[in-house]
N, C-alpha and C. Protein backbone atom coordinates (compact mmCIF):
# COMPACT_ATOMS: atom_id res chain seq x y z
N MET A 1 1.47 -49.69 -51.12
CA MET A 1 1.11 -49.32 -51.85
C MET A 1 0.41 -48.37 -52.03
N ARG A 2 -0.93 -47.93 -51.02
CA ARG A 2 -1.36 -46.91 -50.87
C ARG A 2 -0.15 -45.67 -50.75
N ARG A 3 0.16 -46.26 -49.69
CA ARG A 3 1.44 -44.93 -50.03
C ARG A 3 1.80 -43.73 -51.33
N ALA A 4 2.38 -44.58 -51.60
CA ALA A 4 2.96 -44.45 -53.16
C ALA A 4 1.06 -43.75 -53.75
N ILE A 5 0.37 -44.38 -53.80
CA ILE A 5 -1.00 -43.16 -54.70
C ILE A 5 -0.98 -41.83 -54.09
N PHE A 6 -0.69 -42.64 -52.89
CA PHE A 6 -1.21 -40.93 -51.75
C PHE A 6 -0.10 -39.95 -51.83
N VAL A 7 0.97 -40.14 -52.45
CA VAL A 7 2.21 -39.27 -52.56
C VAL A 7 1.93 -39.05 -54.33
N LEU A 8 1.85 -39.39 -55.12
CA LEU A 8 1.25 -39.37 -56.03
C LEU A 8 0.01 -38.20 -56.61
N GLY A 9 -1.15 -38.61 -55.68
CA GLY A 9 -1.53 -37.59 -55.66
C GLY A 9 -1.56 -36.19 -54.79
N ALA A 10 -0.68 -36.29 -53.68
CA ALA A 10 0.07 -35.46 -53.11
C ALA A 10 0.44 -34.26 -54.31
N ILE A 11 1.74 -34.90 -55.16
CA ILE A 11 1.96 -34.19 -55.73
C ILE A 11 1.74 -33.32 -57.22
N LEU A 12 0.53 -34.01 -57.52
CA LEU A 12 -0.48 -33.27 -58.17
C LEU A 12 -1.02 -32.66 -57.98
N SER A 13 -1.84 -32.78 -56.70
CA SER A 13 -2.22 -31.80 -56.37
C SER A 13 -1.52 -30.49 -56.03
N LEU A 14 -0.20 -30.38 -55.48
CA LEU A 14 0.62 -29.53 -55.47
C LEU A 14 1.24 -28.71 -56.68
N SER A 15 1.68 -29.74 -57.86
CA SER A 15 2.13 -28.79 -59.20
C SER A 15 0.58 -28.42 -60.00
N ALA A 16 -0.66 -28.42 -59.70
CA ALA A 16 -1.39 -27.41 -59.67
C ALA A 16 -1.43 -26.17 -59.03
N CYS A 17 -1.28 -25.84 -58.02
CA CYS A 17 -0.93 -24.77 -57.81
C CYS A 17 0.42 -23.61 -58.04
N GLY A 18 1.11 -23.91 -58.94
CA GLY A 18 2.57 -23.93 -59.48
C GLY A 18 2.09 -22.59 -60.26
N GLY A 19 2.75 -22.49 -61.20
CA GLY A 19 2.84 -21.41 -62.25
C GLY A 19 3.42 -20.49 -62.54
N GLY A 20 3.97 -19.87 -60.73
CA GLY A 20 4.98 -18.31 -60.76
C GLY A 20 4.21 -17.12 -61.06
N ASP A 21 4.84 -16.24 -61.49
CA ASP A 21 4.33 -14.99 -61.45
C ASP A 21 3.61 -14.56 -62.62
N LYS A 22 3.18 -15.54 -63.61
CA LYS A 22 2.54 -15.19 -64.87
C LYS A 22 1.11 -14.63 -65.29
N GLU A 23 0.75 -13.93 -65.64
CA GLU A 23 -0.83 -12.95 -65.84
C GLU A 23 -1.80 -14.01 -65.83
N PRO A 24 -2.76 -13.47 -64.67
CA PRO A 24 -3.29 -14.81 -64.65
C PRO A 24 -4.36 -14.25 -66.10
N ASN A 25 -5.00 -15.14 -67.01
CA ASN A 25 -6.00 -15.05 -67.99
C ASN A 25 -7.41 -15.91 -67.60
N LEU A 26 -8.68 -13.85 -67.13
CA LEU A 26 -9.38 -14.64 -66.67
C LEU A 26 -10.60 -15.25 -67.88
N LEU A 27 -9.98 -15.21 -69.03
CA LEU A 27 -10.93 -15.83 -70.04
C LEU A 27 -10.62 -17.51 -69.95
N ASN A 28 -9.52 -17.54 -69.69
CA ASN A 28 -9.12 -18.99 -70.41
C ASN A 28 -9.46 -19.74 -71.49
N ILE A 29 -8.92 -19.01 -72.59
CA ILE A 29 -9.23 -19.17 -73.90
C ILE A 29 -8.20 -20.53 -73.99
N SER A 30 -8.73 -21.66 -74.29
CA SER A 30 -6.91 -22.50 -74.15
C SER A 30 -7.03 -23.00 -75.90
N GLN A 31 -7.41 -22.40 -77.17
CA GLN A 31 -7.19 -22.66 -78.45
C GLN A 31 -5.31 -21.69 -78.12
N PRO A 32 -4.56 -22.04 -79.03
CA PRO A 32 -3.33 -21.61 -79.45
C PRO A 32 -3.42 -20.64 -80.56
N ARG A 33 -2.96 -19.30 -80.52
CA ARG A 33 -3.69 -18.59 -81.58
C ARG A 33 -2.14 -18.67 -82.50
N SER A 34 -1.14 -19.20 -82.64
CA SER A 34 -0.37 -19.51 -84.14
C SER A 34 -0.81 -20.59 -84.73
N GLU A 35 -2.16 -20.81 -85.02
CA GLU A 35 -2.19 -22.17 -85.27
C GLU A 35 -2.18 -21.41 -87.41
N GLY A 36 -2.84 -19.83 -87.32
CA GLY A 36 -3.04 -19.23 -88.48
C GLY A 36 -3.07 -18.10 -88.68
N PRO A 37 -3.21 -17.22 -90.00
CA PRO A 37 -3.45 -16.02 -89.55
C PRO A 37 -4.85 -15.40 -88.91
N ASP A 38 -5.11 -14.38 -88.38
CA ASP A 38 -5.79 -13.77 -87.65
C ASP A 38 -6.91 -13.14 -88.99
N GLU A 39 -8.01 -13.64 -89.80
CA GLU A 39 -8.72 -14.16 -91.05
C GLU A 39 -9.49 -12.69 -90.88
N PHE A 40 -9.51 -11.83 -89.48
CA PHE A 40 -9.94 -10.26 -89.28
C PHE A 40 -8.83 -9.46 -89.85
N SER A 41 -7.80 -9.61 -89.62
CA SER A 41 -6.33 -8.74 -89.40
C SER A 41 -5.68 -8.54 -91.31
N VAL A 42 -6.77 -9.47 -92.00
CA VAL A 42 -6.14 -9.20 -93.60
C VAL A 42 -6.98 -8.56 -94.42
N LEU A 43 -7.06 -7.58 -94.88
CA LEU A 43 -7.52 -6.68 -95.46
C LEU A 43 -7.40 -6.66 -96.73
N PRO A 44 -8.06 -7.36 -97.81
CA PRO A 44 -7.94 -7.36 -99.27
C PRO A 44 -7.80 -6.03 -99.80
N THR A 45 -6.29 -6.12 -101.27
CA THR A 45 -6.19 -5.48 -101.87
C THR A 45 -6.77 -4.74 -102.72
N LYS A 46 -6.83 -3.86 -103.30
CA LYS A 46 -7.83 -3.20 -104.41
C LYS A 46 -7.11 -3.57 -105.88
N PRO A 47 -8.10 -4.37 -106.80
CA PRO A 47 -7.35 -5.19 -107.91
C PRO A 47 -6.46 -4.05 -108.77
N LEU A 48 -5.09 -4.20 -109.51
CA LEU A 48 -4.39 -3.57 -110.30
C LEU A 48 -4.91 -2.81 -111.36
N GLU A 49 -4.63 -1.86 -111.57
CA GLU A 49 -5.31 -1.26 -113.13
C GLU A 49 -3.88 -0.35 -113.86
N MET A 50 -4.32 -0.64 -115.11
CA MET A 50 -3.53 -0.15 -115.53
C MET A 50 -4.06 1.57 -115.98
N PRO A 51 -3.17 2.43 -115.46
CA PRO A 51 -3.67 4.18 -115.53
C PRO A 51 -3.44 4.34 -117.08
N GLU A 52 -4.57 5.17 -117.77
CA GLU A 52 -4.53 5.82 -119.01
C GLU A 52 -3.72 6.77 -119.40
N ASN A 53 -2.75 7.34 -118.92
CA ASN A 53 -1.54 7.93 -118.30
C ASN A 53 -0.71 7.75 -117.79
N PHE A 54 0.37 7.56 -118.09
CA PHE A 54 1.34 7.12 -116.62
C PHE A 54 2.23 8.41 -116.53
N ALA A 55 2.08 9.40 -117.12
CA ALA A 55 2.28 10.83 -116.72
C ALA A 55 2.35 11.52 -115.70
N ALA A 56 0.38 10.67 -115.52
CA ALA A 56 -0.28 11.43 -114.76
C ALA A 56 -0.39 11.15 -113.26
N LEU A 57 0.00 9.92 -113.34
CA LEU A 57 0.32 9.31 -112.02
C LEU A 57 1.09 10.27 -110.56
N PRO A 58 0.79 9.99 -109.62
CA PRO A 58 1.16 11.05 -108.80
C PRO A 58 2.89 10.33 -108.71
N ASN A 59 3.52 11.16 -107.93
CA ASN A 59 5.01 10.82 -107.25
C ASN A 59 4.83 9.73 -105.75
N PRO A 60 5.85 8.84 -105.85
CA PRO A 60 5.63 7.96 -104.90
C PRO A 60 6.01 8.45 -103.43
N THR A 61 4.97 8.57 -102.40
CA THR A 61 5.80 8.84 -101.02
C THR A 61 5.98 8.00 -99.93
N PRO A 62 6.97 7.60 -99.57
CA PRO A 62 7.58 7.16 -98.66
C PRO A 62 6.47 7.00 -97.21
N GLY A 63 5.56 5.95 -96.83
CA GLY A 63 5.13 5.86 -95.96
C GLY A 63 3.74 6.68 -96.10
N GLY A 64 3.53 6.51 -97.45
CA GLY A 64 1.81 6.86 -97.86
C GLY A 64 1.31 6.14 -98.26
N SER A 65 0.03 6.73 -99.00
CA SER A 65 -1.27 5.51 -99.40
C SER A 65 -0.76 4.87 -100.93
N ASN A 66 -1.08 4.04 -101.29
CA ASN A 66 -1.48 3.59 -102.65
C ASN A 66 -2.17 3.50 -103.32
N ARG A 67 -3.06 3.57 -104.45
CA ARG A 67 -4.10 3.49 -104.88
C ARG A 67 -4.41 1.87 -104.94
N THR A 68 -3.80 0.83 -104.62
CA THR A 68 -4.34 -0.14 -104.11
C THR A 68 -4.79 -0.40 -102.87
N ASP A 69 -4.29 0.66 -101.92
CA ASP A 69 -4.70 0.02 -100.40
C ASP A 69 -6.37 0.42 -100.10
N PRO A 70 -6.75 -0.86 -99.61
CA PRO A 70 -7.91 -0.58 -98.94
C PRO A 70 -8.37 0.73 -98.14
N THR A 71 -9.35 0.90 -98.87
CA THR A 71 -9.94 1.98 -97.81
C THR A 71 -11.46 2.30 -97.47
N PRO A 72 -11.72 1.36 -96.58
CA PRO A 72 -13.11 1.08 -95.83
C PRO A 72 -13.90 1.85 -96.05
N GLU A 73 -13.55 3.04 -95.34
CA GLU A 73 -14.65 4.10 -95.51
C GLU A 73 -15.04 4.86 -96.25
N ALA A 74 -14.52 4.77 -97.45
CA ALA A 74 -14.51 5.55 -98.08
C ALA A 74 -15.77 4.22 -99.16
N ASP A 75 -14.79 3.44 -98.67
CA ASP A 75 -16.00 2.37 -99.87
C ASP A 75 -17.43 2.25 -99.70
N VAL A 76 -17.44 2.13 -98.10
CA VAL A 76 -18.67 1.86 -97.61
C VAL A 76 -19.46 3.65 -98.22
N ALA A 77 -18.83 4.69 -97.86
CA ALA A 77 -19.46 6.03 -98.35
C ALA A 77 -19.93 6.10 -99.79
N GLN A 78 -19.40 5.25 -100.70
CA GLN A 78 -19.59 5.28 -102.33
C GLN A 78 -20.53 4.52 -102.47
N ALA A 79 -20.24 3.38 -101.54
CA ALA A 79 -21.52 2.35 -102.08
C ALA A 79 -23.23 2.52 -101.47
N LEU A 80 -23.25 3.60 -100.39
CA LEU A 80 -24.59 3.69 -99.79
C LEU A 80 -24.61 5.74 -100.80
N GLY A 81 -23.97 5.66 -101.34
CA GLY A 81 -24.42 7.14 -102.11
C GLY A 81 -23.69 8.17 -101.90
N GLY A 82 -23.05 8.17 -100.86
CA GLY A 82 -22.14 9.33 -100.00
C GLY A 82 -21.00 10.17 -100.99
N ASN A 83 -20.77 10.94 -100.49
CA ASN A 83 -19.73 11.88 -100.76
C ASN A 83 -18.44 11.51 -100.55
N THR A 84 -17.47 10.90 -101.04
CA THR A 84 -16.38 10.67 -100.96
C THR A 84 -15.07 11.64 -100.41
N ALA A 85 -15.30 12.76 -101.30
CA ALA A 85 -15.16 13.93 -100.64
C ALA A 85 -14.71 14.25 -99.72
N VAL A 86 -15.59 14.21 -98.26
CA VAL A 86 -16.57 14.67 -97.71
C VAL A 86 -15.42 14.15 -96.35
N LEU A 87 -14.49 12.83 -96.70
CA LEU A 87 -14.12 11.88 -95.77
C LEU A 87 -12.72 12.64 -95.59
N SER A 88 -11.74 13.04 -96.65
CA SER A 88 -10.79 13.61 -96.93
C SER A 88 -10.39 14.97 -96.36
N ARG A 89 -11.68 15.93 -96.02
CA ARG A 89 -12.07 17.07 -95.14
C ARG A 89 -12.02 16.74 -93.46
N ARG A 90 -12.24 15.67 -93.64
CA ARG A 90 -13.06 15.10 -92.00
C ARG A 90 -11.17 15.48 -91.18
N SER A 91 -11.81 16.40 -90.27
CA SER A 91 -10.72 16.77 -88.77
C SER A 91 -10.28 15.51 -88.63
N GLY A 92 -11.33 14.69 -88.30
CA GLY A 92 -10.80 13.41 -87.76
C GLY A 92 -11.38 13.42 -85.74
N ASP A 93 -10.39 12.96 -85.10
CA ASP A 93 -11.24 12.85 -83.32
C ASP A 93 -10.27 13.68 -82.71
N GLY A 94 -9.38 14.94 -83.45
CA GLY A 94 -8.41 15.99 -82.66
C GLY A 94 -9.19 16.16 -81.86
N ALA A 95 -10.49 17.33 -82.70
CA ALA A 95 -11.38 17.77 -81.93
C ALA A 95 -11.96 16.91 -80.03
N LEU A 96 -12.27 15.36 -80.52
CA LEU A 96 -12.34 14.93 -79.14
C LEU A 96 -11.26 14.88 -78.18
N VAL A 97 -10.15 14.27 -78.63
CA VAL A 97 -9.12 14.02 -78.43
C VAL A 97 -9.15 15.70 -77.25
N ALA A 98 -8.71 16.80 -77.60
CA ALA A 98 -8.36 18.11 -77.15
C ALA A 98 -9.45 18.51 -75.85
N TYR A 99 -10.99 18.02 -76.03
CA TYR A 99 -12.11 17.75 -75.33
C TYR A 99 -11.55 17.38 -74.07
N ALA A 100 -11.02 15.81 -74.23
CA ALA A 100 -11.06 15.26 -73.15
C ALA A 100 -9.82 15.26 -72.40
N GLY A 101 -8.95 16.14 -73.02
CA GLY A 101 -7.89 16.05 -72.27
C GLY A 101 -7.76 17.51 -71.66
N ARG A 102 -8.75 18.30 -71.65
CA ARG A 102 -9.21 19.94 -71.68
C ARG A 102 -8.38 20.22 -70.18
N TYR A 103 -8.13 19.18 -68.83
CA TYR A 103 -7.76 19.79 -67.84
C TYR A 103 -6.53 18.95 -67.64
N GLY A 104 -6.22 18.39 -68.73
CA GLY A 104 -4.58 18.04 -68.55
C GLY A 104 -4.21 16.42 -68.74
N VAL A 105 -3.59 15.66 -68.98
CA VAL A 105 -3.22 14.04 -69.07
C VAL A 105 -2.77 13.87 -67.88
N ASP A 106 -2.37 12.80 -67.86
CA ASP A 106 -1.52 12.53 -66.94
C ASP A 106 -0.77 11.47 -67.79
N PRO A 107 0.40 11.64 -67.61
CA PRO A 107 1.70 10.61 -68.95
C PRO A 107 1.66 9.18 -68.65
N ARG A 108 1.67 9.20 -67.23
CA ARG A 108 1.19 7.95 -66.94
C ARG A 108 0.43 7.23 -66.20
N ILE A 109 -0.73 7.33 -66.93
CA ILE A 109 -1.99 6.84 -66.88
C ILE A 109 -1.92 5.14 -67.54
N ARG A 110 -1.26 4.96 -68.73
CA ARG A 110 -1.40 3.66 -68.93
C ARG A 110 -0.79 2.62 -68.03
N PRO A 111 0.58 2.90 -67.96
CA PRO A 111 1.17 2.27 -66.36
C PRO A 111 0.68 1.65 -65.41
N SER A 112 0.10 3.01 -64.71
CA SER A 112 -1.13 2.79 -63.62
C SER A 112 -2.22 1.62 -63.87
N LEU A 113 -2.64 2.34 -64.98
CA LEU A 113 -4.12 1.31 -65.36
C LEU A 113 -3.92 -0.34 -64.95
N ALA A 114 -2.59 -0.42 -66.50
CA ALA A 114 -2.08 -1.69 -66.55
C ALA A 114 -1.84 -2.55 -65.16
N ALA A 115 -1.12 -1.92 -64.19
CA ALA A 115 -0.70 -2.29 -62.69
C ALA A 115 -1.94 -2.78 -62.29
N ALA A 116 -3.23 -1.74 -61.94
CA ALA A 116 -4.20 -1.93 -61.52
C ALA A 116 -4.64 -2.95 -61.88
N ASP A 117 -4.67 -3.50 -62.95
CA ASP A 117 -5.45 -4.05 -63.78
C ASP A 117 -4.89 -5.79 -63.18
N LEU A 118 -3.60 -5.90 -63.74
CA LEU A 118 -3.05 -7.32 -63.25
C LEU A 118 -2.93 -7.47 -62.23
N GLU A 119 -2.92 -6.64 -61.26
CA GLU A 119 -3.77 -6.89 -59.73
C GLU A 119 -4.86 -7.26 -59.16
N PHE A 120 -5.88 -6.90 -60.27
CA PHE A 120 -7.10 -7.07 -60.40
C PHE A 120 -7.17 -8.46 -60.67
N ARG A 121 -6.61 -8.94 -61.52
CA ARG A 121 -6.72 -10.16 -62.41
C ARG A 121 -6.02 -11.54 -61.61
N ARG A 122 -4.83 -11.01 -60.62
CA ARG A 122 -4.24 -11.84 -59.70
C ARG A 122 -5.37 -12.16 -58.32
N GLN A 123 -5.60 -10.64 -58.52
CA GLN A 123 -7.27 -11.41 -56.73
C GLN A 123 -8.24 -12.36 -57.51
N ASN A 124 -8.75 -12.23 -58.53
CA ASN A 124 -9.53 -12.71 -59.45
C ASN A 124 -9.65 -13.86 -60.42
N ASP A 125 -8.62 -14.61 -59.84
CA ASP A 125 -8.46 -15.51 -61.15
C ASP A 125 -8.42 -16.88 -60.44
N GLY A 126 -9.60 -16.93 -59.82
CA GLY A 126 -10.51 -18.40 -59.90
C GLY A 126 -9.38 -19.03 -58.77
N ARG A 127 -11.03 -20.16 -58.10
CA ARG A 127 -10.15 -21.05 -57.20
C ARG A 127 -9.83 -22.40 -58.12
N LEU A 128 -8.61 -23.07 -57.00
CA LEU A 128 -7.97 -23.89 -57.58
C LEU A 128 -8.07 -24.96 -58.71
N LEU A 129 -9.61 -25.51 -58.14
CA LEU A 129 -10.07 -26.53 -59.79
C LEU A 129 -10.57 -25.66 -60.73
N GLU A 130 -10.92 -24.62 -60.62
CA GLU A 130 -11.32 -23.38 -62.04
C GLU A 130 -10.39 -23.10 -62.49
N ARG A 131 -8.99 -23.26 -61.94
CA ARG A 131 -7.61 -22.99 -62.92
C ARG A 131 -7.31 -24.23 -63.63
N LEU A 132 -7.37 -25.12 -62.61
CA LEU A 132 -7.04 -26.37 -62.97
C LEU A 132 -7.88 -27.30 -64.15
N PHE A 133 -9.10 -27.43 -64.26
CA PHE A 133 -10.03 -27.08 -65.12
C PHE A 133 -10.22 -26.32 -66.06
N ASN A 134 -9.66 -25.10 -66.22
CA ASN A 134 -9.73 -24.11 -67.07
C ASN A 134 -11.00 -23.44 -67.37
N VAL A 135 -11.72 -23.52 -66.41
CA VAL A 135 -12.94 -22.68 -65.97
C VAL A 135 -13.27 -21.01 -66.45
N ASN A 136 -14.09 -21.06 -67.38
CA ASN A 136 -14.07 -19.28 -67.47
C ASN A 136 -14.47 -18.42 -66.35
N VAL A 137 -13.63 -17.66 -65.44
CA VAL A 137 -14.02 -16.55 -64.37
C VAL A 137 -14.15 -15.33 -64.40
N TYR A 138 -14.21 -15.09 -66.16
CA TYR A 138 -14.07 -13.42 -66.33
C TYR A 138 -15.29 -12.80 -66.01
N PHE A 139 -16.56 -13.40 -66.69
CA PHE A 139 -17.84 -12.89 -65.78
C PHE A 139 -18.26 -12.74 -64.51
N ARG A 140 -17.80 -13.79 -63.75
CA ARG A 140 -17.54 -13.63 -62.40
C ARG A 140 -16.98 -12.52 -61.81
N ALA A 141 -16.15 -12.81 -61.80
CA ALA A 141 -14.77 -11.59 -61.57
C ALA A 141 -15.26 -9.76 -61.60
N TYR A 142 -16.07 -9.87 -63.19
CA TYR A 142 -16.21 -8.11 -63.36
C TYR A 142 -17.71 -8.27 -62.69
N GLU A 143 -18.20 -8.98 -62.32
CA GLU A 143 -19.56 -9.17 -61.80
C GLU A 143 -20.02 -7.49 -61.29
N THR A 144 -19.52 -7.12 -60.27
CA THR A 144 -19.59 -6.13 -59.24
C THR A 144 -19.45 -4.80 -60.28
N MET A 145 -18.69 -4.82 -61.39
CA MET A 145 -18.45 -3.61 -62.12
C MET A 145 -19.31 -3.11 -63.17
N SER A 146 -20.72 -4.41 -63.52
CA SER A 146 -20.92 -4.51 -64.75
C SER A 146 -22.29 -4.02 -64.92
N LEU A 147 -23.07 -3.04 -65.34
CA LEU A 147 -24.39 -1.75 -65.34
C LEU A 147 -25.38 -3.10 -65.54
N ASP A 148 -26.41 -2.77 -64.97
CA ASP A 148 -28.03 -3.34 -65.21
C ASP A 148 -28.41 -2.78 -65.91
N GLN A 149 -28.65 -3.11 -67.27
CA GLN A 149 -29.45 -2.35 -67.96
C GLN A 149 -30.88 -1.73 -68.09
N HIS A 150 -31.05 -3.14 -67.45
CA HIS A 150 -32.68 -2.63 -67.49
C HIS A 150 -32.70 -1.65 -65.61
N ARG A 151 -32.33 -2.14 -64.88
CA ARG A 151 -32.74 -0.98 -63.39
C ARG A 151 -32.16 0.40 -63.75
N GLU A 152 -31.20 0.72 -64.29
CA GLU A 152 -31.23 2.26 -64.80
C GLU A 152 -31.47 2.67 -66.22
N LEU A 153 -32.37 1.66 -66.35
CA LEU A 153 -33.87 2.42 -67.76
C LEU A 153 -34.76 2.32 -66.68
N ARG A 154 -35.38 1.80 -65.97
CA ARG A 154 -35.98 1.98 -65.11
C ARG A 154 -35.92 3.04 -63.98
N ARG A 155 -34.52 3.39 -63.70
CA ARG A 155 -34.16 4.52 -62.42
C ARG A 155 -34.44 5.86 -63.68
N LEU A 156 -33.87 5.58 -65.03
CA LEU A 156 -33.48 7.30 -65.76
C LEU A 156 -35.58 7.83 -65.90
N ARG A 157 -36.29 6.48 -66.31
CA ARG A 157 -37.58 6.64 -66.95
C ARG A 157 -38.04 7.43 -65.56
N ARG A 158 -37.90 6.57 -64.23
CA ARG A 158 -38.35 7.62 -62.96
C ARG A 158 -37.98 8.83 -62.43
N ALA A 159 -37.10 9.39 -63.08
CA ALA A 159 -36.19 10.43 -63.08
C ALA A 159 -36.91 11.23 -64.24
N GLY A 160 -37.49 10.96 -65.06
CA GLY A 160 -38.10 11.92 -66.05
C GLY A 160 -37.53 12.01 -67.36
N ILE A 161 -36.63 11.29 -67.37
CA ILE A 161 -35.43 11.27 -68.15
C ILE A 161 -35.53 10.64 -69.34
N ARG A 162 -36.06 11.49 -70.83
CA ARG A 162 -36.54 10.74 -71.89
C ARG A 162 -35.60 9.90 -72.47
N THR A 163 -35.75 8.07 -72.92
CA THR A 163 -34.55 7.45 -73.03
C THR A 163 -35.62 6.78 -74.11
N SER A 164 -35.14 7.65 -75.70
CA SER A 164 -35.84 7.48 -76.91
C SER A 164 -34.91 6.32 -77.40
N ALA A 165 -34.09 5.77 -76.76
CA ALA A 165 -32.96 5.04 -77.62
C ALA A 165 -33.34 3.83 -77.41
N ALA A 166 -34.45 3.34 -76.44
CA ALA A 166 -34.79 2.60 -75.70
C ALA A 166 -36.36 1.89 -76.23
N PRO A 167 -36.13 0.48 -75.73
CA PRO A 167 -37.56 0.29 -76.10
C PRO A 167 -38.41 0.54 -75.15
N PRO A 168 -40.49 0.99 -75.47
CA PRO A 168 -40.85 1.58 -74.72
C PRO A 168 -40.93 0.50 -73.16
N ASP A 169 -41.51 1.30 -72.41
CA ASP A 169 -42.25 0.27 -71.26
C ASP A 169 -42.95 -0.07 -71.23
N PRO A 170 -42.59 -1.26 -71.24
CA PRO A 170 -43.89 -3.02 -71.26
C PRO A 170 -45.24 -2.14 -70.68
N ALA A 171 -44.93 -1.76 -69.14
CA ALA A 171 -46.29 -1.47 -68.38
C ALA A 171 -46.52 -0.55 -69.09
N LEU A 172 -46.12 0.23 -69.52
CA LEU A 172 -47.15 1.79 -69.71
C LEU A 172 -47.88 0.96 -71.54
N GLU A 173 -47.27 0.09 -72.12
CA GLU A 173 -48.15 -0.55 -73.32
C GLU A 173 -49.19 -1.16 -72.96
N GLU A 174 -49.02 -2.20 -71.76
CA GLU A 174 -50.43 -2.55 -71.44
C GLU A 174 -51.65 -2.08 -70.88
N GLN A 175 -51.48 -0.90 -70.63
CA GLN A 175 -52.44 0.37 -70.31
C GLN A 175 -53.22 0.95 -70.81
């Protein structure tokens, strides 16, 4: 009887080591994603309206916008009293993208970063019992890469750099 229990325990222990070549999931979120729609990806359309003059309707453009398509940026600008005509003249992020790529862009950067990230996640996917009991190891894995915001704020203030967006230094307020 003891031998059977030992063999069963050994089989269960070794089966936890399996999993093959699957990608490690550091967050270990156990809820399945296929239970229903993602409520944040569904945007309601505007209500249909009867135009005053059917001849004034624009010609349909395949792939173009529709009068009932959601326009969240224009809706926010209008709700806050802004000018929605300015949004259509906006150049977008073209200047930012051009400036960021001014020294050239490596076309293989995405596959290179994906491979490096996969290797990092494989090396930091938790210990055996953490994987077995679905423990979240994400924050511990990336802890060395995180920025201590309070220490950085103190460093900047000591260097004489203004940090107007940060709250005032409590040590200075007590004086």
